[in-house]
Amino acid sequence: MKSRRNQRIIIGTLSAVVLGLVVGYATLQQVLNINGTSSISGDFGIAITKMEESSMNGAQTISKEGLGTTTVSFTVDLKAPGSSAVYNFTVENQGTIDAVLQSIEGIEEANSSTPLDIKYSISGIDENDSLIHGQTQTFQVQVLWDSSATEIPSTNKTLVLKLNYVQKTS
């Protein structure tokens, strides 16, 4: 009698467990649909907004083009060996996306073209500099005619300066 009673308890317990598993499985088998929409909007707007003469020593600006973009071109007339010019530039992040300066183009190209005694340099800005939206950065470009130059060039030298910005990721 005792074994029959144990047998009924075991069968009852197993039946309850199986019934619980069936109900749980049926509950978890319901279809779950998740729908969503997301959108990202932003404006990537970097521009060189200002070019000002800072120091002109025997130099005169002949032309400047491209303000409002990331590429500016300018020509300076240097009167004699030792003449120089320094320009202050302002670059502004007018967009809503933070940016980082990936590369600066034009300085090496200009310095490797004739006349070789006229050299450009840039300071106050470097590759990997961040430009947060709404902020500006000022940098300088200097052009110098080597004072030991013995030849007078018959042409001017133009610098086409390009700042390549990309979206900041961190």
C-alpha atoms as a PDB file:
ATOM      1  CA  MET A   1       0.000   0.000   0.000  1.00  0.00           C
ATOM      2  CA  LYS A   2       2.888   2.217   0.795  1.00  0.00           C
ATOM      3  CA  SER A   3       4.453   1.695  -2.599  1.00  0.00           C
ATOM      4  CA  ARG A   4       1.134   2.458  -4.329  1.00  0.00           C
ATOM      5  CA  ARG A   5       0.878   5.687  -2.383  1.00  0.00           C
ATOM      6  CA  ASN A   6       4.441   6.702  -3.346  1.00  0.00           C
ATOM      7  CA  GLN A   7       3.670   5.796  -6.916  1.00  0.00           C
ATOM      8  CA  ARG A   8       0.602   8.098  -6.936  1.00  0.00           C
ATOM      9  CA  ILE A   9       2.605  10.964  -5.417  1.00  0.00           C
ATOM     10  CA  ILE A  10       5.327  10.590  -8.030  1.00  0.00           C
ATOM     11  CA  ILE A  11       2.786  10.403 -10.878  1.00  0.00           C
ATOM     12  CA  GLY A  12       0.914  13.431  -9.495  1.00  0.00           C
ATOM     13  CA  THR A  13       4.136  15.436  -9.142  1.00  0.00           C
ATOM     14  CA  LEU A  14       5.318  14.509 -12.637  1.00  0.00           C
ATOM     15  CA  SER A  15       1.904  15.395 -14.076  1.00  0.00           C
ATOM     16  CA  ALA A  16       2.052  18.836 -12.371  1.00  0.00           C
ATOM     17  CA  VAL A  17       5.587  19.442 -13.669  1.00  0.00           C
ATOM     18  CA  VAL A  18       4.630  18.431 -17.217  1.00  0.00           C
ATOM     19  CA  LEU A  19       1.524  20.625 -17.073  1.00  0.00           C
ATOM     20  CA  GLY A  20       3.684  23.557 -15.864  1.00  0.00           C
ATOM     21  CA  LEU A  21       6.155  23.015 -18.706  1.00  0.00           C
ATOM     22  CA  VAL A  22       3.363  22.892 -21.296  1.00  0.00           C
ATOM     23  CA  VAL A  23       1.826  26.153 -20.029  1.00  0.00           C
ATOM     24  CA  GLY A  24       5.261  27.842 -19.870  1.00  0.00           C
ATOM     25  CA  TYR A  25       6.178  26.704 -23.374  1.00  0.00           C
ATOM     26  CA  ALA A  26       2.870  27.919 -24.782  1.00  0.00           C
ATOM     27  CA  THR A  27       3.358  31.303 -23.135  1.00  0.00           C
ATOM     28  CA  LEU A  28       6.889  31.705 -24.487  1.00  0.00           C
ATOM     29  CA  GLN A  29       5.864  30.635 -28.011  1.00  0.00           C
ATOM     30  CA  GLN A  30       3.827  33.777 -28.609  1.00  0.00           C
ATOM     31  CA  VAL A  31       5.151  35.948 -31.463  1.00  0.00           C
ATOM     32  CA  LEU A  32       6.898  39.092 -30.321  1.00  0.00           C
ATOM     33  CA  ASN A  33       7.095  41.876 -32.890  1.00  0.00           C
ATOM     34  CA  ILE A  34       9.271  44.906 -32.257  1.00  0.00           C
ATOM     35  CA  ASN A  35       9.110  47.726 -34.742  1.00  0.00           C
ATOM     36  CA  GLY A  36      11.122  50.893 -34.593  1.00  0.00           C
ATOM     37  CA  THR A  37      12.416  53.717 -36.698  1.00  0.00           C
ATOM     38  CA  SER A  38      15.451  55.836 -36.070  1.00  0.00           C
ATOM     39  CA  SER A  39      16.960  58.657 -37.996  1.00  0.00           C
ATOM     40  CA  ILE A  40      20.149  60.593 -37.657  1.00  0.00           C
ATOM     41  CA  SER A  41      20.506  64.056 -39.024  1.00  0.00           C
ATOM     42  CA  GLY A  42      23.457  66.323 -38.923  1.00  0.00           C
ATOM     43  CA  ASP A  43      25.228  68.952 -40.916  1.00  0.00           C
ATOM     44  CA  PHE A  44      28.925  68.681 -41.698  1.00  0.00           C
ATOM     45  CA  GLY A  45      30.029  72.231 -42.413  1.00  0.00           C
ATOM     46  CA  ILE A  46      33.676  73.218 -42.146  1.00  0.00           C
ATOM     47  CA  ALA A  47      34.883  76.435 -43.794  1.00  0.00           C
ATOM     48  CA  ILE A  48      37.840  78.774 -43.788  1.00  0.00           C
ATOM     49  CA  THR A  49      35.988  81.962 -42.962  1.00  0.00           C
ATOM     50  CA  LYS A  50      38.724  84.548 -42.582  1.00  0.00           C
ATOM     51  CA  MET A  51      42.127  85.411 -44.055  1.00  0.00           C
ATOM     52  CA  GLU A  52      43.823  88.484 -42.658  1.00  0.00           C
ATOM     53  CA  GLU A  53      47.228  89.985 -43.299  1.00  0.00           C
ATOM     54  CA  SER A  54      49.144  89.892 -40.039  1.00  0.00           C
ATOM     55  CA  SER A  55      52.659  90.994 -40.916  1.00  0.00           C
ATOM     56  CA  MET A  56      53.724  92.214 -44.335  1.00  0.00           C
ATOM     57  CA  ASN A  57      57.451  92.874 -44.798  1.00  0.00           C
ATOM     58  CA  GLY A  58      58.071  93.902 -48.408  1.00  0.00           C
ATOM     59  CA  ALA A  59      55.014  91.904 -49.453  1.00  0.00           C
ATOM     60  CA  GLN A  60      51.632  92.541 -51.019  1.00  0.00           C
ATOM     61  CA  THR A  61      48.662  90.206 -51.438  1.00  0.00           C
ATOM     62  CA  ILE A  62      47.791  89.910 -55.115  1.00  0.00           C
ATOM     63  CA  SER A  63      44.814  87.573 -54.940  1.00  0.00           C
ATOM     64  CA  LYS A  64      42.851  85.346 -52.585  1.00  0.00           C
ATOM     65  CA  GLU A  65      40.046  82.934 -53.384  1.00  0.00           C
ATOM     66  CA  GLY A  66      38.020  80.220 -51.719  1.00  0.00           C
ATOM     67  CA  LEU A  67      36.928  81.710 -48.413  1.00  0.00           C
ATOM     68  CA  GLY A  68      33.849  79.821 -47.239  1.00  0.00           C
ATOM     69  CA  THR A  69      35.314  76.462 -48.308  1.00  0.00           C
ATOM     70  CA  THR A  70      38.111  74.241 -46.999  1.00  0.00           C
ATOM     71  CA  THR A  71      40.389  75.163 -49.920  1.00  0.00           C
ATOM     72  CA  VAL A  72      41.853  78.642 -50.290  1.00  0.00           C
ATOM     73  CA  SER A  73      44.237  79.942 -52.890  1.00  0.00           C
ATOM     74  CA  PHE A  74      46.298  83.063 -52.569  1.00  0.00           C
ATOM     75  CA  THR A  75      49.206  84.762 -54.274  1.00  0.00           C
ATOM     76  CA  VAL A  76      51.585  87.152 -52.590  1.00  0.00           C
ATOM     77  CA  ASP A  77      54.107  89.430 -54.301  1.00  0.00           C
ATOM     78  CA  LEU A  78      57.413  89.507 -52.426  1.00  0.00           C
ATOM     79  CA  LYS A  79      59.539  92.507 -53.428  1.00  0.00           C
ATOM     80  CA  ALA A  80      63.073  91.286 -52.626  1.00  0.00           C
ATOM     81  CA  PRO A  81      65.016  88.498 -50.911  1.00  0.00           C
ATOM     82  CA  GLY A  82      64.196  88.574 -47.189  1.00  0.00           C
ATOM     83  CA  SER A  83      60.599  89.710 -47.806  1.00  0.00           C
ATOM     84  CA  SER A  84      57.899  87.864 -45.912  1.00  0.00           C
ATOM     85  CA  ALA A  85      54.212  87.783 -45.176  1.00  0.00           C
ATOM     86  CA  VAL A  86      52.209  86.216 -42.355  1.00  0.00           C
ATOM     87  CA  TYR A  87      48.481  85.571 -42.692  1.00  0.00           C
ATOM     88  CA  ASN A  88      46.007  84.675 -39.959  1.00  0.00           C
ATOM     89  CA  PHE A  89      43.328  82.223 -41.054  1.00  0.00           C
ATOM     90  CA  THR A  90      40.195  81.219 -39.188  1.00  0.00           C
ATOM     91  CA  VAL A  91      38.528  77.874 -39.814  1.00  0.00           C
ATOM     92  CA  GLU A  92      35.052  77.375 -38.390  1.00  0.00           C
ATOM     93  CA  ASN A  93      32.857  74.341 -37.795  1.00  0.00           C
ATOM     94  CA  GLN A  94      29.510  75.743 -38.927  1.00  0.00           C
ATOM     95  CA  GLY A  95      27.818  72.343 -38.838  1.00  0.00           C
ATOM     96  CA  THR A  96      26.379  70.193 -36.089  1.00  0.00           C
ATOM     97  CA  ILE A  97      28.927  67.359 -36.312  1.00  0.00           C
ATOM     98  CA  ASP A  98      32.306  67.445 -34.559  1.00  0.00           C
ATOM     99  CA  ALA A  99      35.267  67.107 -36.921  1.00  0.00           C
ATOM    100  CA  VAL A 100      38.939  66.227 -36.883  1.00  0.00           C
ATOM    101  CA  LEU A 101      41.619  67.478 -39.292  1.00  0.00           C
ATOM    102  CA  GLN A 102      42.744  64.467 -41.322  1.00  0.00           C
ATOM    103  CA  SER A 103      45.345  66.179 -43.518  1.00  0.00           C
ATOM    104  CA  ILE A 104      46.741  69.489 -44.710  1.00  0.00           C
ATOM    105  CA  GLU A 105      47.568  69.740 -48.392  1.00  0.00           C
ATOM    106  CA  GLY A 106      49.386  72.365 -50.405  1.00  0.00           C
ATOM    107  CA  ILE A 107      52.397  73.417 -48.331  1.00  0.00           C
ATOM    108  CA  GLU A 108      54.755  70.683 -49.571  1.00  0.00           C
ATOM    109  CA  GLU A 109      53.468  71.016 -53.127  1.00  0.00           C
ATOM    110  CA  ALA A 110      54.045  74.784 -53.155  1.00  0.00           C
ATOM    111  CA  ASN A 111      57.500  74.471 -51.601  1.00  0.00           C
ATOM    112  CA  SER A 112      58.589  71.950 -54.237  1.00  0.00           C
ATOM    113  CA  SER A 113      57.536  74.199 -57.139  1.00  0.00           C
ATOM    114  CA  THR A 114      59.535  77.089 -58.572  1.00  0.00           C
ATOM    115  CA  PRO A 115      60.714  79.543 -57.445  1.00  0.00           C
ATOM    116  CA  LEU A 116      62.312  77.314 -54.798  1.00  0.00           C
ATOM    117  CA  ASP A 117      63.671  80.231 -52.735  1.00  0.00           C
ATOM    118  CA  ILE A 118      60.120  81.168 -51.730  1.00  0.00           C
ATOM    119  CA  LYS A 119      58.832  78.875 -48.977  1.00  0.00           C
ATOM    120  CA  TYR A 120      55.518  78.516 -47.159  1.00  0.00           C
ATOM    121  CA  SER A 121      55.012  77.249 -43.618  1.00  0.00           C
ATOM    122  CA  ILE A 122      51.986  76.720 -41.422  1.00  0.00           C
ATOM    123  CA  SER A 123      51.607  76.912 -37.633  1.00  0.00           C
ATOM    124  CA  GLY A 124      48.830  76.805 -35.065  1.00  0.00           C
ATOM    125  CA  ILE A 125      47.061  73.839 -36.652  1.00  0.00           C
ATOM    126  CA  ASP A 126      48.035  70.184 -36.928  1.00  0.00           C
ATOM    127  CA  GLU A 127      46.650  66.964 -38.309  1.00  0.00           C
ATOM    128  CA  ASN A 128      44.328  65.236 -35.804  1.00  0.00           C
ATOM    129  CA  ASP A 129      43.252  68.570 -34.268  1.00  0.00           C
ATOM    130  CA  SER A 130      39.576  68.450 -33.279  1.00  0.00           C
ATOM    131  CA  LEU A 131      37.127  71.129 -34.336  1.00  0.00           C
ATOM    132  CA  ILE A 132      33.966  70.866 -32.238  1.00  0.00           C
ATOM    133  CA  HIS A 133      30.723  72.114 -33.803  1.00  0.00           C
ATOM    134  CA  GLY A 134      30.280  75.840 -33.325  1.00  0.00           C
ATOM    135  CA  GLN A 135      33.964  76.466 -32.598  1.00  0.00           C
ATOM    136  CA  THR A 136      36.712  78.201 -34.567  1.00  0.00           C
ATOM    137  CA  GLN A 137      40.452  77.715 -34.813  1.00  0.00           C
ATOM    138  CA  THR A 138      42.979  80.313 -35.894  1.00  0.00           C
ATOM    139  CA  PHE A 139      46.225  79.395 -37.594  1.00  0.00           C
ATOM    140  CA  GLN A 140      49.009  81.164 -39.458  1.00  0.00           C
ATOM    141  CA  VAL A 141      50.585  80.733 -42.874  1.00  0.00           C
ATOM    142  CA  GLN A 142      53.940  82.360 -43.504  1.00  0.00           C
ATOM    143  CA  VAL A 143      55.589  82.920 -46.859  1.00  0.00           C
ATOM    144  CA  LEU A 144      59.281  83.840 -46.889  1.00  0.00           C
ATOM    145  CA  TRP A 145      61.696  84.664 -49.671  1.00  0.00           C
ATOM    146  CA  ASP A 146      65.092  83.306 -48.610  1.00  0.00           C
ATOM    147  CA  SER A 147      67.351  86.288 -47.854  1.00  0.00           C
ATOM    148  CA  SER A 148      70.360  84.499 -49.382  1.00  0.00           C
ATOM    149  CA  ALA A 149      68.622  84.059 -52.741  1.00  0.00           C
ATOM    150  CA  THR A 150      70.682  85.256 -55.690  1.00  0.00           C
ATOM    151  CA  GLU A 151      68.055  85.011 -58.434  1.00  0.00           C
ATOM    152  CA  ILE A 152      65.007  87.185 -58.886  1.00  0.00           C
ATOM    153  CA  PRO A 153      62.101  85.006 -60.073  1.00  0.00           C
ATOM    154  CA  SER A 154      59.986  86.197 -62.951  1.00  0.00           C
ATOM    155  CA  THR A 155      56.806  84.615 -61.575  1.00  0.00           C
ATOM    156  CA  ASN A 156      54.761  84.754 -58.406  1.00  0.00           C
ATOM    157  CA  LYS A 157      54.125  81.698 -56.279  1.00  0.00           C
ATOM    158  CA  THR A 158      50.564  80.694 -55.419  1.00  0.00           C
ATOM    159  CA  LEU A 159      49.607  78.520 -52.466  1.00  0.00           C
ATOM    160  CA  VAL A 160      46.527  76.320 -52.748  1.00  0.00           C
ATOM    161  CA  LEU A 161      45.862  75.282 -49.141  1.00  0.00           C
ATOM    162  CA  LYS A 162      43.383  72.493 -48.470  1.00  0.00           C
ATOM    163  CA  LEU A 163      42.227  71.327 -45.036  1.00  0.00           C
ATOM    164  CA  ASN A 164      40.689  67.844 -45.139  1.00  0.00           C
ATOM    165  CA  TYR A 165      38.293  67.324 -42.243  1.00  0.00           C
ATOM    166  CA  VAL A 166      36.413  64.124 -41.378  1.00  0.00           C
ATOM    167  CA  GLN A 167      33.777  63.325 -38.779  1.00  0.00           C
ATOM    168  CA  LYS A 168      35.180  62.877 -35.276  1.00  0.00           C
ATOM    169  CA  THR A 169      34.414  59.376 -34.064  1.00  0.00           C
ATOM    170  CA  SER A 170      35.443  59.504 -30.429  1.00  0.00           C
END
